[in-house]
N, C-alpha and C. Protein backbone atom coordinates (compact mmCIF):
# COMPACT_ATOMS: atom_id res chain seq x y z
N MET A 1 0.81 -1.19 0.00
CA MET A 1 0.00 0.00 0.00
C MET A 1 0.86 1.26 0.00
N GLU A 2 1.89 1.28 0.84
CA GLU A 2 2.76 2.46 0.92
C GLU A 2 3.44 2.73 -0.43
N GLU A 3 3.88 1.66 -1.08
CA GLU A 3 4.54 1.83 -2.38
C GLU A 3 3.60 2.44 -3.41
N GLU A 4 2.35 2.02 -3.41
CA GLU A 4 1.36 2.58 -4.33
C GLU A 4 1.16 4.07 -4.07
N LEU A 5 1.11 4.44 -2.79
CA LEU A 5 0.95 5.86 -2.44
C LEU A 5 2.14 6.68 -2.92
N VAL A 6 3.34 6.14 -2.76
CA VAL A 6 4.54 6.86 -3.20
C VAL A 6 4.51 7.05 -4.71
N ILE A 7 4.13 6.02 -5.43
CA ILE A 7 4.06 6.12 -6.90
C ILE A 7 3.04 7.17 -7.32
N LYS A 8 1.88 7.15 -6.67
CA LYS A 8 0.85 8.16 -6.97
C LYS A 8 1.34 9.56 -6.64
N ALA A 9 2.05 9.71 -5.51
CA ALA A 9 2.58 11.02 -5.11
C ALA A 9 3.58 11.52 -6.13
N ILE A 10 4.45 10.63 -6.61
CA ILE A 10 5.44 11.02 -7.62
C ILE A 10 4.77 11.49 -8.89
N LYS A 11 3.65 10.88 -9.21
CA LYS A 11 2.90 11.24 -10.42
C LYS A 11 2.07 12.51 -10.24
N GLY A 12 2.09 13.09 -9.03
CA GLY A 12 1.41 14.37 -8.82
C GLY A 12 0.12 14.32 -8.03
N ASN A 13 -0.22 13.17 -7.47
CA ASN A 13 -1.45 13.06 -6.68
C ASN A 13 -1.22 13.70 -5.31
N PHE A 14 -1.84 14.84 -5.09
CA PHE A 14 -1.61 15.59 -3.85
C PHE A 14 -2.10 14.84 -2.61
N ASN A 15 -3.23 14.15 -2.72
CA ASN A 15 -3.75 13.41 -1.56
C ASN A 15 -2.78 12.30 -1.16
N ALA A 16 -2.23 11.59 -2.13
CA ALA A 16 -1.25 10.54 -1.84
C ALA A 16 -0.01 11.15 -1.21
N TYR A 17 0.43 12.29 -1.72
CA TYR A 17 1.59 12.99 -1.17
C TYR A 17 1.35 13.36 0.30
N SER A 18 0.16 13.87 0.59
CA SER A 18 -0.17 14.26 1.96
C SER A 18 -0.13 13.08 2.90
N ILE A 19 -0.64 11.95 2.45
CA ILE A 19 -0.63 10.74 3.29
C ILE A 19 0.79 10.27 3.55
N VAL A 20 1.61 10.25 2.50
CA VAL A 20 3.00 9.81 2.65
C VAL A 20 3.75 10.73 3.62
N VAL A 21 3.61 12.02 3.46
CA VAL A 21 4.29 12.99 4.33
C VAL A 21 3.82 12.82 5.76
N ASN A 22 2.52 12.66 5.95
CA ASN A 22 1.98 12.49 7.30
C ASN A 22 2.51 11.21 7.95
N ASN A 23 2.64 10.14 7.17
CA ASN A 23 3.15 8.88 7.69
C ASN A 23 4.62 8.98 8.09
N LEU A 24 5.36 9.86 7.47
CA LEU A 24 6.79 10.00 7.75
C LEU A 24 7.11 11.14 8.72
N LYS A 25 6.08 11.80 9.20
CA LYS A 25 6.25 12.97 10.06
C LYS A 25 7.12 12.67 11.29
N ASP A 26 6.81 11.62 12.00
CA ASP A 26 7.54 11.32 13.23
C ASP A 26 9.02 10.99 12.95
N GLU A 27 9.26 10.21 11.91
CA GLU A 27 10.64 9.85 11.58
C GLU A 27 11.45 11.08 11.16
N GLY A 28 10.82 11.97 10.39
CA GLY A 28 11.51 13.18 9.96
C GLY A 28 11.88 14.08 11.12
N TYR A 29 10.95 14.23 12.04
CA TYR A 29 11.20 15.08 13.23
C TYR A 29 12.30 14.44 14.09
N LYS A 30 12.22 13.14 14.31
CA LYS A 30 13.22 12.45 15.15
C LYS A 30 14.62 12.60 14.55
N LEU A 31 14.73 12.46 13.24
CA LEU A 31 16.02 12.61 12.59
C LEU A 31 16.55 14.03 12.77
N ALA A 32 15.70 15.01 12.55
CA ALA A 32 16.12 16.40 12.71
C ALA A 32 16.53 16.68 14.15
N TYR A 33 15.79 16.14 15.12
CA TYR A 33 16.10 16.37 16.53
C TYR A 33 17.43 15.71 16.90
N THR A 34 17.69 14.54 16.35
CA THR A 34 18.95 13.85 16.61
C THR A 34 20.14 14.71 16.17
N ILE A 35 19.97 15.40 15.07
CA ILE A 35 21.05 16.23 14.54
C ILE A 35 21.12 17.58 15.24
N LEU A 36 19.98 18.22 15.44
CA LEU A 36 19.96 19.60 15.94
C LEU A 36 19.87 19.75 17.44
N LYS A 37 19.32 18.75 18.12
CA LYS A 37 19.20 18.78 19.59
C LYS A 37 18.39 19.98 20.11
N ASN A 38 17.45 20.43 19.30
CA ASN A 38 16.61 21.56 19.69
C ASN A 38 15.22 21.35 19.09
N GLU A 39 14.19 21.40 19.95
CA GLU A 39 12.83 21.08 19.51
C GLU A 39 12.33 22.01 18.42
N GLN A 40 12.45 23.31 18.62
CA GLN A 40 11.93 24.27 17.65
C GLN A 40 12.70 24.19 16.33
N ASP A 41 14.02 24.14 16.40
CA ASP A 41 14.82 24.04 15.19
C ASP A 41 14.52 22.76 14.42
N SER A 42 14.26 21.68 15.15
CA SER A 42 13.95 20.40 14.51
C SER A 42 12.63 20.47 13.77
N MET A 43 11.64 21.09 14.38
CA MET A 43 10.35 21.22 13.73
C MET A 43 10.47 22.13 12.51
N ASP A 44 11.21 23.21 12.62
CA ASP A 44 11.42 24.10 11.47
C ASP A 44 12.11 23.35 10.33
N ALA A 45 13.13 22.59 10.65
CA ALA A 45 13.87 21.84 9.62
C ALA A 45 12.95 20.84 8.95
N TYR A 46 12.15 20.13 9.73
CA TYR A 46 11.22 19.16 9.15
C TYR A 46 10.23 19.84 8.22
N LEU A 47 9.66 20.94 8.66
CA LEU A 47 8.66 21.64 7.85
C LEU A 47 9.25 22.21 6.57
N GLN A 48 10.50 22.65 6.64
CA GLN A 48 11.15 23.16 5.43
C GLN A 48 11.45 22.04 4.43
N ALA A 49 11.72 20.86 4.96
CA ALA A 49 12.03 19.71 4.10
C ALA A 49 10.78 19.22 3.35
N VAL A 50 9.63 19.42 3.96
CA VAL A 50 8.39 18.96 3.34
C VAL A 50 8.00 19.98 2.32
């Protein structure tokens, strides 16, 4: 299912893109926090990456 959503998102389906981004939200924030060690900076970095 996830692979199908990614393929749809790549093809320009905004709803599929939104679902994929939402599913990866926690991992993206955790990675940013691991690097930056600051809650606000981590959230800003994640939001800029999306």
